[in-house]
Amino acid sequence: MPVYGFVIFAAGWLAWMIPFFIVRRRRVTAAAKDRRARWGIVLQALAYAVLWMNRWTERDPGAIRFAAAAVFFSIGGLLSWTSVLALGRQWRIDAGLNPDHELVRHGAYRIVRHPIYASMLAMFLGTASVVALPTLIPVALILFIAGTEIRIRIEDRLLAGRFGAEFTAWRKQVSAYLPGIR
């Protein structure tokens, strides 16, 4: 892999990760939490592992795949920053709601209900563009989407339980993580 490939890859992932570390999360016990969502994280991690199952450092994916990766990484980074900043102290790894949780509908949340998962999908596609063998991408994508759907359904249930009709109306108007796909 050429040096510029490593730079694109590292810069993309670094830009995506930074907001998760700069937003100060409160160490608050969740008022509602569903640990089953961790199965979604496991499937998403397996999906990434499948992408890496090859000798990717020994080949050059080509300029077109690096250009695609740069686009996906840019989208992922933008969504990561805007969604984490919009959530602020409500952001958490586990599917849960803080006692004072608010329904965030501004920023990237005007476009999709789960922009962090949209950013993760963009990062997945960017990573796949650079390191994955084309034959492994469909398998990894199925695992990734299954994990994402588990997490979204659990989080939507938590939000519906807390915000009721307000969340239901928003859910009817805004797609989960891909604009236009409900």
N, C-alpha and C. Protein backbone atom coordinates (compact mmCIF):
# COMPACT_ATOMS: atom_id res chain seq x y z
N MET A 1 0.85 -1.17 0.00
CA MET A 1 0.00 0.00 0.00
C MET A 1 0.90 1.24 0.00
N PRO A 2 0.56 2.20 -0.84
CA PRO A 2 1.38 3.42 -0.87
C PRO A 2 1.20 4.26 0.40
N VAL A 3 2.19 5.12 0.65
CA VAL A 3 2.17 5.95 1.85
C VAL A 3 0.93 6.83 1.90
N TYR A 4 0.53 7.40 0.76
CA TYR A 4 -0.65 8.26 0.78
C TYR A 4 -1.89 7.47 1.20
N GLY A 5 -1.91 6.18 0.95
CA GLY A 5 -3.03 5.34 1.38
C GLY A 5 -3.10 5.24 2.89
N PHE A 6 -1.94 5.04 3.52
CA PHE A 6 -1.90 5.01 4.98
C PHE A 6 -2.34 6.35 5.56
N VAL A 7 -1.93 7.43 4.92
CA VAL A 7 -2.28 8.77 5.40
C VAL A 7 -3.79 8.99 5.32
N ILE A 8 -4.39 8.64 4.18
CA ILE A 8 -5.85 8.79 4.01
C ILE A 8 -6.57 7.96 5.07
N PHE A 9 -6.13 6.73 5.23
CA PHE A 9 -6.76 5.81 6.16
C PHE A 9 -6.65 6.31 7.61
N ALA A 10 -5.45 6.65 8.01
CA ALA A 10 -5.22 7.11 9.39
C ALA A 10 -5.94 8.44 9.66
N ALA A 11 -5.85 9.37 8.72
CA ALA A 11 -6.51 10.67 8.91
C ALA A 11 -8.02 10.50 9.00
N GLY A 12 -8.58 9.64 8.17
CA GLY A 12 -10.02 9.41 8.19
C GLY A 12 -10.49 8.87 9.53
N TRP A 13 -9.79 7.86 10.02
CA TRP A 13 -10.19 7.27 11.30
C TRP A 13 -9.94 8.21 12.47
N LEU A 14 -8.85 8.94 12.44
CA LEU A 14 -8.57 9.89 13.50
C LEU A 14 -9.63 10.98 13.56
N ALA A 15 -9.99 11.52 12.39
CA ALA A 15 -11.02 12.56 12.34
C ALA A 15 -12.36 12.03 12.86
N TRP A 16 -12.65 10.78 12.59
CA TRP A 16 -13.91 10.20 13.06
C TRP A 16 -13.91 10.01 14.58
N MET A 17 -12.79 9.60 15.15
CA MET A 17 -12.73 9.25 16.57
C MET A 17 -12.63 10.44 17.53
N ILE A 18 -12.03 11.52 17.11
CA ILE A 18 -11.75 12.64 18.01
C ILE A 18 -12.99 13.13 18.78
N PRO A 19 -14.14 13.34 18.13
CA PRO A 19 -15.26 13.89 18.91
C PRO A 19 -15.71 13.00 20.06
N PHE A 20 -15.52 11.71 19.95
CA PHE A 20 -15.92 10.81 21.03
C PHE A 20 -15.07 11.01 22.28
N PHE A 21 -13.86 11.52 22.09
CA PHE A 21 -12.97 11.74 23.22
C PHE A 21 -13.05 13.15 23.78
N ILE A 22 -13.51 14.12 22.98
CA ILE A 22 -13.53 15.49 23.47
C ILE A 22 -14.83 15.86 24.15
N VAL A 23 -15.91 15.14 23.83
CA VAL A 23 -17.18 15.43 24.50
C VAL A 23 -17.13 14.82 25.89
N ARG A 24 -17.34 15.63 26.86
CA ARG A 24 -17.29 15.16 28.25
C ARG A 24 -18.62 14.49 28.60
N ARG A 25 -18.51 13.20 28.85
CA ARG A 25 -19.70 12.47 29.25
C ARG A 25 -19.81 12.52 30.76
N ARG A 26 -21.02 12.67 31.20
CA ARG A 26 -21.26 12.59 32.64
C ARG A 26 -21.30 11.13 33.03
N ARG A 27 -20.79 10.83 34.16
CA ARG A 27 -20.85 9.47 34.70
C ARG A 27 -22.16 9.32 35.46
N VAL A 28 -23.24 9.26 34.70
CA VAL A 28 -24.57 9.20 35.28
C VAL A 28 -25.12 7.79 35.07
N THR A 29 -25.73 7.26 36.09
CA THR A 29 -26.39 5.97 35.95
C THR A 29 -27.61 6.15 35.06
N ALA A 30 -27.72 5.29 34.07
CA ALA A 30 -28.82 5.39 33.13
C ALA A 30 -30.15 5.14 33.82
N ALA A 31 -31.16 5.92 33.44
CA ALA A 31 -32.51 5.71 33.95
C ALA A 31 -33.13 4.51 33.26
N ALA A 32 -32.74 4.27 32.01
CA ALA A 32 -33.19 3.11 31.25
C ALA A 32 -32.00 2.63 30.43
N LYS A 33 -31.79 1.32 30.43
CA LYS A 33 -30.63 0.77 29.74
C LYS A 33 -30.99 -0.62 29.22
N ASP A 34 -30.45 -0.96 28.07
CA ASP A 34 -30.69 -2.29 27.50
C ASP A 34 -29.36 -2.85 27.03
N ARG A 35 -28.82 -3.76 27.78
CA ARG A 35 -27.50 -4.32 27.48
C ARG A 35 -27.52 -5.27 26.28
N ARG A 36 -28.69 -5.67 25.84
CA ARG A 36 -28.77 -6.55 24.66
C ARG A 36 -28.18 -5.86 23.43
N ALA A 37 -28.13 -4.54 23.45
CA ALA A 37 -27.57 -3.81 22.32
C ALA A 37 -26.09 -4.12 22.12
N ARG A 38 -25.46 -4.67 23.14
CA ARG A 38 -24.04 -5.04 23.00
C ARG A 38 -23.85 -6.13 21.94
N TRP A 39 -24.87 -6.94 21.70
CA TRP A 39 -24.77 -7.93 20.63
C TRP A 39 -24.60 -7.24 19.27
N GLY A 40 -25.21 -6.08 19.14
CA GLY A 40 -25.02 -5.30 17.92
C GLY A 40 -23.58 -4.86 17.76
N ILE A 41 -22.97 -4.44 18.86
CA ILE A 41 -21.56 -4.04 18.83
C ILE A 41 -20.68 -5.23 18.44
N VAL A 42 -21.00 -6.41 18.96
CA VAL A 42 -20.23 -7.61 18.63
C VAL A 42 -20.32 -7.90 17.13
N LEU A 43 -21.51 -7.83 16.56
CA LEU A 43 -21.66 -8.08 15.13
C LEU A 43 -20.95 -7.03 14.29
N GLN A 44 -21.02 -5.77 14.71
CA GLN A 44 -20.31 -4.72 13.99
C GLN A 44 -18.81 -4.95 14.03
N ALA A 45 -18.29 -5.35 15.18
CA ALA A 45 -16.85 -5.64 15.31
C ALA A 45 -16.45 -6.82 14.44
N LEU A 46 -17.28 -7.85 14.39
CA LEU A 46 -17.01 -9.00 13.51
C LEU A 46 -16.98 -8.56 12.05
N ALA A 47 -17.87 -7.66 11.69
CA ALA A 47 -17.90 -7.15 10.31
C ALA A 47 -16.58 -6.48 9.94
N TYR A 48 -16.07 -5.66 10.85
CA TYR A 48 -14.77 -5.02 10.60
C TYR A 48 -13.66 -6.06 10.53
N ALA A 49 -13.73 -7.07 11.38
CA ALA A 49 -12.70 -8.12 11.36
C ALA A 49 -12.68 -8.84 10.01
N VAL A 50 -13.85 -9.08 9.45
CA VAL A 50 -13.93 -9.74 8.13
C VAL A 50 -13.25 -8.88 7.07
N LEU A 51 -13.42 -7.56 7.16
CA LEU A 51 -12.78 -6.68 6.17
C LEU A 51 -11.27 -6.83 6.17
N TRP A 52 -10.69 -7.07 7.33
CA TRP A 52 -9.24 -7.12 7.49
C TRP A 52 -8.65 -8.49 7.18
N MET A 53 -9.46 -9.46 6.79
CA MET A 53 -8.99 -10.83 6.60
C MET A 53 -8.27 -11.00 5.26
N ASN A 54 -7.14 -10.37 5.13
CA ASN A 54 -6.32 -10.50 3.92
C ASN A 54 -4.99 -9.79 4.15
N ARG A 55 -4.14 -9.86 3.19
CA ARG A 55 -2.83 -9.19 3.27
C ARG A 55 -2.91 -7.82 2.60
N TRP A 56 -3.67 -6.97 3.20
CA TRP A 56 -3.97 -5.69 2.58
C TRP A 56 -2.76 -4.77 2.45
N THR A 57 -1.75 -4.93 3.28
CA THR A 57 -0.57 -4.06 3.19
C THR A 57 0.31 -4.41 2.01
N GLU A 58 0.08 -5.57 1.42
CA GLU A 58 0.92 -6.03 0.32
C GLU A 58 0.38 -5.66 -1.06
N ARG A 59 -0.74 -4.97 -1.09
CA ARG A 59 -1.30 -4.61 -2.40
C ARG A 59 -1.72 -3.15 -2.43
N ASP A 60 -1.84 -2.64 -3.62
CA ASP A 60 -2.28 -1.27 -3.84
C ASP A 60 -3.71 -1.33 -4.38
N PRO A 61 -4.70 -0.89 -3.60
CA PRO A 61 -6.08 -0.94 -4.08
C PRO A 61 -6.34 -0.05 -5.29
N GLY A 62 -5.50 0.93 -5.51
CA GLY A 62 -5.67 1.82 -6.65
C GLY A 62 -6.29 3.16 -6.26
N ALA A 63 -6.07 4.12 -7.12
CA ALA A 63 -6.49 5.50 -6.85
C ALA A 63 -8.00 5.63 -6.72
N ILE A 64 -8.77 4.88 -7.49
CA ILE A 64 -10.23 5.00 -7.42
C ILE A 64 -10.74 4.55 -6.06
N ARG A 65 -10.22 3.46 -5.55
CA ARG A 65 -10.66 2.98 -4.24
C ARG A 65 -10.20 3.94 -3.13
N PHE A 66 -9.03 4.54 -3.27
CA PHE A 66 -8.58 5.52 -2.28
C PHE A 66 -9.45 6.78 -2.34
N ALA A 67 -9.85 7.18 -3.54
CA ALA A 67 -10.73 8.34 -3.67
C ALA A 67 -12.09 8.05 -3.03
N ALA A 68 -12.61 6.85 -3.25
CA ALA A 68 -13.87 6.46 -2.62
C ALA A 68 -13.72 6.46 -1.10
N ALA A 69 -12.62 5.93 -0.62
CA ALA A 69 -12.37 5.91 0.83
C ALA A 69 -12.33 7.32 1.39
N ALA A 70 -11.67 8.23 0.69
CA ALA A 70 -11.58 9.62 1.16
C ALA A 70 -12.97 10.25 1.26
N VAL A 71 -13.83 9.96 0.30
CA VAL A 71 -15.21 10.49 0.34
C VAL A 71 -15.96 9.90 1.53
N PHE A 72 -15.91 8.58 1.67
CA PHE A 72 -16.60 7.93 2.79
C PHE A 72 -16.06 8.41 4.14
N PHE A 73 -14.74 8.52 4.25
CA PHE A 73 -14.15 9.00 5.52
C PHE A 73 -14.57 10.43 5.81
N SER A 74 -14.67 11.25 4.79
CA SER A 74 -15.12 12.64 4.99
C SER A 74 -16.56 12.69 5.49
N ILE A 75 -17.42 11.89 4.88
CA ILE A 75 -18.82 11.82 5.32
C ILE A 75 -18.89 11.29 6.75
N GLY A 76 -18.15 10.23 7.02
CA GLY A 76 -18.15 9.65 8.36
C GLY A 76 -17.66 10.62 9.41
N GLY A 77 -16.58 11.34 9.10
CA GLY A 77 -16.06 12.32 10.05
C GLY A 77 -17.03 13.45 10.30
N LEU A 78 -17.63 13.96 9.23
CA LEU A 78 -18.60 15.06 9.37
C LEU A 78 -19.79 14.62 10.23
N LEU A 79 -20.32 13.44 9.95
CA LEU A 79 -21.45 12.93 10.74
C LEU A 79 -21.05 12.67 12.19
N SER A 80 -19.86 12.16 12.39
CA SER A 80 -19.38 11.89 13.73
C SER A 80 -19.32 13.18 14.55
N TRP A 81 -18.68 14.19 14.00
CA TRP A 81 -18.55 15.46 14.72
C TRP A 81 -19.91 16.09 15.00
N THR A 82 -20.75 16.18 13.98
CA THR A 82 -22.03 16.89 14.17
C THR A 82 -22.96 16.13 15.11
N SER A 83 -22.97 14.81 15.03
CA SER A 83 -23.90 14.06 15.89
C SER A 83 -23.42 13.99 17.33
N VAL A 84 -22.15 13.77 17.55
CA VAL A 84 -21.64 13.70 18.93
C VAL A 84 -21.77 15.07 19.61
N LEU A 85 -21.48 16.12 18.88
CA LEU A 85 -21.62 17.46 19.47
C LEU A 85 -23.08 17.79 19.75
N ALA A 86 -23.99 17.35 18.88
CA ALA A 86 -25.42 17.60 19.11
C ALA A 86 -25.92 16.82 20.33
N LEU A 87 -25.46 15.60 20.51
CA LEU A 87 -25.86 14.79 21.67
C LEU A 87 -25.23 15.31 22.95
N GLY A 88 -24.01 15.80 22.82
CA GLY A 88 -23.31 16.31 24.00
C GLY A 88 -23.18 15.26 25.09
N ARG A 89 -23.53 15.62 26.29
CA ARG A 89 -23.34 14.73 27.44
C ARG A 89 -24.31 13.55 27.45
N GLN A 90 -25.24 13.52 26.54
CA GLN A 90 -26.16 12.38 26.46
C GLN A 90 -25.54 11.19 25.74
N TRP A 91 -24.41 11.41 25.04
CA TRP A 91 -23.79 10.32 24.30
C TRP A 91 -23.29 9.25 25.26
N ARG A 92 -23.54 8.00 24.90
CA ARG A 92 -23.05 6.87 25.69
C ARG A 92 -22.87 5.68 24.77
N ILE A 93 -22.00 4.77 25.19
CA ILE A 93 -21.73 3.58 24.38
C ILE A 93 -22.89 2.61 24.47
N ASP A 94 -23.37 2.35 25.67
CA ASP A 94 -24.51 1.46 25.86
C ASP A 94 -25.79 2.13 25.40
N ALA A 95 -26.75 1.30 25.01
CA ALA A 95 -28.07 1.82 24.68
C ALA A 95 -28.75 2.17 25.99
N GLY A 96 -28.90 3.45 26.25
CA GLY A 96 -29.50 3.87 27.50
C GLY A 96 -29.90 5.33 27.46
N LEU A 97 -30.72 5.70 28.41
CA LEU A 97 -31.19 7.07 28.52
C LEU A 97 -30.83 7.62 29.90
N ASN A 98 -30.34 8.82 29.92
CA ASN A 98 -30.05 9.50 31.19
C ASN A 98 -31.36 9.93 31.84
N PRO A 99 -31.35 10.17 33.13
CA PRO A 99 -32.58 10.64 33.80
C PRO A 99 -33.13 11.93 33.18
N ASP A 100 -32.25 12.80 32.71
CA ASP A 100 -32.67 14.07 32.11
C ASP A 100 -32.54 14.07 30.59
N HIS A 101 -32.63 12.89 29.99
CA HIS A 101 -32.42 12.74 28.55
C HIS A 101 -33.41 13.59 27.75
N GLU A 102 -32.91 14.19 26.69
CA GLU A 102 -33.74 14.99 25.79
C GLU A 102 -33.74 14.34 24.41
N LEU A 103 -34.81 14.52 23.67
CA LEU A 103 -34.89 14.00 22.31
C LEU A 103 -34.21 15.01 21.38
N VAL A 104 -33.02 14.65 20.89
CA VAL A 104 -32.24 15.55 20.05
C VAL A 104 -32.73 15.43 18.62
N ARG A 105 -33.13 16.57 18.04
CA ARG A 105 -33.63 16.59 16.67
C ARG A 105 -32.99 17.68 15.82
N HIS A 106 -31.86 18.21 16.29
CA HIS A 106 -31.17 19.24 15.51
C HIS A 106 -29.86 18.68 14.97
N GLY A 107 -29.20 19.47 14.13
CA GLY A 107 -27.95 19.02 13.52
C GLY A 107 -28.21 17.84 12.60
N ALA A 108 -27.34 16.86 12.65
CA ALA A 108 -27.47 15.68 11.79
C ALA A 108 -28.74 14.89 12.11
N TYR A 109 -29.30 15.10 13.30
CA TYR A 109 -30.51 14.40 13.70
C TYR A 109 -31.75 14.89 12.96
N ARG A 110 -31.64 15.97 12.20
CA ARG A 110 -32.73 16.40 11.33
C ARG A 110 -32.81 15.52 10.10
N ILE A 111 -31.67 14.90 9.73
CA ILE A 111 -31.60 14.10 8.51
C ILE A 111 -31.85 12.62 8.79
N VAL A 112 -31.24 12.11 9.84
CA VAL A 112 -31.43 10.71 10.25
C VAL A 112 -31.50 10.64 11.78
N ARG A 113 -32.23 9.63 12.29
CA ARG A 113 -32.38 9.50 13.75
C ARG A 113 -31.11 9.00 14.43
N HIS A 114 -30.28 8.28 13.68
CA HIS A 114 -29.08 7.68 14.26
C HIS A 114 -27.85 8.03 13.39
N PRO A 115 -27.44 9.29 13.40
CA PRO A 115 -26.33 9.68 12.54
C PRO A 115 -24.98 9.07 12.93
N ILE A 116 -24.82 8.67 14.18
CA ILE A 116 -23.56 8.01 14.54
C ILE A 116 -23.45 6.67 13.82
N TYR A 117 -24.57 5.96 13.69
CA TYR A 117 -24.55 4.70 12.94
C TYR A 117 -24.35 4.97 11.44
N ALA A 118 -24.89 6.07 10.95
CA ALA A 118 -24.63 6.45 9.56
C ALA A 118 -23.15 6.73 9.37
N SER A 119 -22.54 7.39 10.37
CA SER A 119 -21.10 7.66 10.28
C SER A 119 -20.30 6.37 10.32
N MET A 120 -20.75 5.42 11.15
CA MET A 120 -20.06 4.14 11.22
C MET A 120 -20.17 3.38 9.90
N LEU A 121 -21.32 3.49 9.24
CA LEU A 121 -21.48 2.85 7.93
C LEU A 121 -20.53 3.49 6.92
N ALA A 122 -20.42 4.81 6.95
CA ALA A 122 -19.49 5.49 6.05
C ALA A 122 -18.05 5.04 6.32
N MET A 123 -17.69 4.91 7.59
CA MET A 123 -16.34 4.45 7.93
C MET A 123 -16.12 2.99 7.51
N PHE A 124 -17.16 2.19 7.63
CA PHE A 124 -17.10 0.81 7.19
C PHE A 124 -16.83 0.77 5.68
N LEU A 125 -17.57 1.55 4.91
CA LEU A 125 -17.40 1.57 3.45
C LEU A 125 -16.04 2.13 3.06
N GLY A 126 -15.57 3.14 3.78
CA GLY A 126 -14.24 3.68 3.51
C GLY A 126 -13.16 2.65 3.79
N THR A 127 -13.30 1.95 4.91
CA THR A 127 -12.34 0.90 5.25
C THR A 127 -12.39 -0.22 4.23
N ALA A 128 -13.60 -0.63 3.85
CA ALA A 128 -13.75 -1.68 2.85
C ALA A 128 -13.09 -1.28 1.53
N SER A 129 -13.21 -0.02 1.17
CA SER A 129 -12.61 0.46 -0.08
C SER A 129 -11.10 0.28 -0.10
N VAL A 130 -10.47 0.42 1.05
CA VAL A 130 -9.01 0.38 1.12
C VAL A 130 -8.46 -1.00 1.42
N VAL A 131 -9.06 -1.72 2.36
CA VAL A 131 -8.41 -2.95 2.83
C VAL A 131 -9.08 -4.25 2.43
N ALA A 132 -10.35 -4.23 2.11
CA ALA A 132 -11.08 -5.49 1.93
C ALA A 132 -10.94 -6.08 0.54
N LEU A 133 -10.97 -7.39 0.52
CA LEU A 133 -11.12 -8.10 -0.74
C LEU A 133 -12.58 -7.97 -1.15
N PRO A 134 -12.85 -7.68 -2.42
CA PRO A 134 -14.25 -7.49 -2.86
C PRO A 134 -15.16 -8.66 -2.51
N THR A 135 -14.63 -9.87 -2.47
CA THR A 135 -15.47 -11.04 -2.16
C THR A 135 -15.91 -11.08 -0.70
N LEU A 136 -15.19 -10.40 0.19
CA LEU A 136 -15.53 -10.41 1.61
C LEU A 136 -16.47 -9.27 2.00
N ILE A 137 -16.59 -8.26 1.17
CA ILE A 137 -17.39 -7.09 1.52
C ILE A 137 -18.86 -7.44 1.76
N PRO A 138 -19.51 -8.25 0.91
CA PRO A 138 -20.93 -8.56 1.19
C PRO A 138 -21.15 -9.27 2.53
N VAL A 139 -20.27 -10.20 2.88
CA VAL A 139 -20.40 -10.91 4.16
C VAL A 139 -20.25 -9.92 5.31
N ALA A 140 -19.24 -9.09 5.23
CA ALA A 140 -19.00 -8.10 6.28
C ALA A 140 -20.16 -7.11 6.36
N LEU A 141 -20.69 -6.70 5.23
CA LEU A 141 -21.79 -5.73 5.21
C LEU A 141 -23.05 -6.32 5.87
N ILE A 142 -23.33 -7.58 5.61
CA ILE A 142 -24.49 -8.23 6.25
C ILE A 142 -24.32 -8.23 7.77
N LEU A 143 -23.13 -8.58 8.24
CA LEU A 143 -22.87 -8.57 9.69
C LEU A 143 -23.02 -7.16 10.26
N PHE A 144 -22.47 -6.19 9.54
CA PHE A 144 -22.51 -4.81 10.02
C PHE A 144 -23.96 -4.31 10.10
N ILE A 145 -24.73 -4.54 9.07
CA ILE A 145 -26.13 -4.07 9.06
C ILE A 145 -26.94 -4.79 10.14
N ALA A 146 -26.70 -6.08 10.31
CA ALA A 146 -27.42 -6.82 11.37
C ALA A 146 -27.11 -6.21 12.74
N GLY A 147 -25.85 -5.93 13.02
CA GLY A 147 -25.47 -5.32 14.29
C GLY A 147 -26.07 -3.94 14.45
N THR A 148 -26.06 -3.16 13.39
CA THR A 148 -26.62 -1.81 13.44
C THR A 148 -28.13 -1.86 13.67
N GLU A 149 -28.81 -2.76 13.00
CA GLU A 149 -30.26 -2.88 13.17
C GLU A 149 -30.63 -3.30 14.59
N ILE A 150 -29.85 -4.19 15.18
CA ILE A 150 -30.10 -4.57 16.58
C ILE A 150 -30.04 -3.34 17.47
N ARG A 151 -28.98 -2.56 17.31
CA ARG A 151 -28.80 -1.38 18.16
C ARG A 151 -29.90 -0.35 17.92
N ILE A 152 -30.25 -0.12 16.67
CA ILE A 152 -31.27 0.89 16.35
C ILE A 152 -32.62 0.49 16.92
N ARG A 153 -33.00 -0.75 16.76
CA ARG A 153 -34.31 -1.19 17.26
C ARG A 153 -34.38 -1.06 18.78
N ILE A 154 -33.32 -1.40 19.46
CA ILE A 154 -33.30 -1.28 20.92
C ILE A 154 -33.34 0.18 21.34
N GLU A 155 -32.53 1.02 20.70
CA GLU A 155 -32.53 2.44 21.05
C GLU A 155 -33.87 3.10 20.73
N ASP A 156 -34.47 2.72 19.60
CA ASP A 156 -35.78 3.29 19.26
C ASP A 156 -36.83 2.89 20.29
N ARG A 157 -36.77 1.65 20.79
CA ARG A 157 -37.70 1.22 21.83
C ARG A 157 -37.53 2.05 23.10
N LEU A 158 -36.29 2.28 23.47
CA LEU A 158 -36.03 3.10 24.66
C LEU A 158 -36.56 4.52 24.47
N LEU A 159 -36.29 5.10 23.31
CA LEU A 159 -36.75 6.47 23.04
C LEU A 159 -38.28 6.54 22.97
N ALA A 160 -38.91 5.55 22.36
CA ALA A 160 -40.37 5.53 22.28
C ALA A 160 -40.97 5.41 23.68
N GLY A 161 -40.35 4.60 24.53
CA GLY A 161 -40.84 4.45 25.90
C GLY A 161 -40.74 5.75 26.69
N ARG A 162 -39.72 6.55 26.42
CA ARG A 162 -39.52 7.80 27.17
C ARG A 162 -40.33 8.95 26.57
N PHE A 163 -40.32 9.06 25.23
CA PHE A 163 -40.89 10.25 24.59
C PHE A 163 -42.23 10.02 23.90
N GLY A 164 -42.69 8.79 23.85
CA GLY A 164 -44.02 8.47 23.35
C GLY A 164 -44.35 9.03 21.98
N ALA A 165 -45.45 9.77 21.91
CA ALA A 165 -45.96 10.30 20.65
C ALA A 165 -44.98 11.24 19.97
N GLU A 166 -44.21 11.97 20.76
CA GLU A 166 -43.22 12.90 20.20
C GLU A 166 -42.18 12.11 19.38
N PHE A 167 -41.70 10.99 19.93
CA PHE A 167 -40.74 10.16 19.21
C PHE A 167 -41.40 9.48 18.01
N THR A 168 -42.61 8.98 18.19
CA THR A 168 -43.32 8.30 17.10
C THR A 168 -43.49 9.23 15.91
N ALA A 169 -43.85 10.47 16.15
CA ALA A 169 -44.01 11.44 15.06
C ALA A 169 -42.68 11.70 14.37
N TRP A 170 -41.62 11.84 15.15
CA TRP A 170 -40.29 12.08 14.57
C TRP A 170 -39.84 10.86 13.77
N ARG A 171 -40.11 9.68 14.29
CA ARG A 171 -39.73 8.45 13.61
C ARG A 171 -40.42 8.33 12.25
N LYS A 172 -41.65 8.80 12.16
CA LYS A 172 -42.38 8.76 10.88
C LYS A 172 -41.80 9.74 9.86
N GLN A 173 -41.18 10.79 10.35
CA GLN A 173 -40.65 11.83 9.47
C GLN A 173 -39.19 11.60 9.06
N VAL A 174 -38.41 10.95 9.93
CA VAL A 174 -36.96 10.88 9.72
C VAL A 174 -36.52 9.43 9.65
N SER A 175 -35.69 9.11 8.67
CA SER A 175 -35.17 7.76 8.49
C SER A 175 -34.22 7.38 9.62
N ALA A 176 -33.98 6.09 9.77
CA ALA A 176 -33.12 5.60 10.86
C ALA A 176 -31.68 6.04 10.66
N TYR A 177 -31.01 5.57 9.60
CA TYR A 177 -29.61 5.95 9.41
C TYR A 177 -29.23 6.15 7.95
N LEU A 178 -30.11 5.84 7.04
CA LEU A 178 -29.91 6.13 5.63
C LEU A 178 -31.06 7.01 5.14
N PRO A 179 -30.77 8.24 4.73
CA PRO A 179 -31.85 9.13 4.29
C PRO A 179 -32.72 8.47 3.23
N GLY A 180 -34.02 8.56 3.42
CA GLY A 180 -34.97 8.02 2.44
C GLY A 180 -35.32 6.56 2.66
N ILE A 181 -34.61 5.85 3.53
CA ILE A 181 -34.92 4.44 3.80
C ILE A 181 -35.42 4.35 5.24
N ARG A 182 -36.64 3.97 5.40
CA ARG A 182 -37.24 3.92 6.74
C ARG A 182 -37.13 2.56 7.27
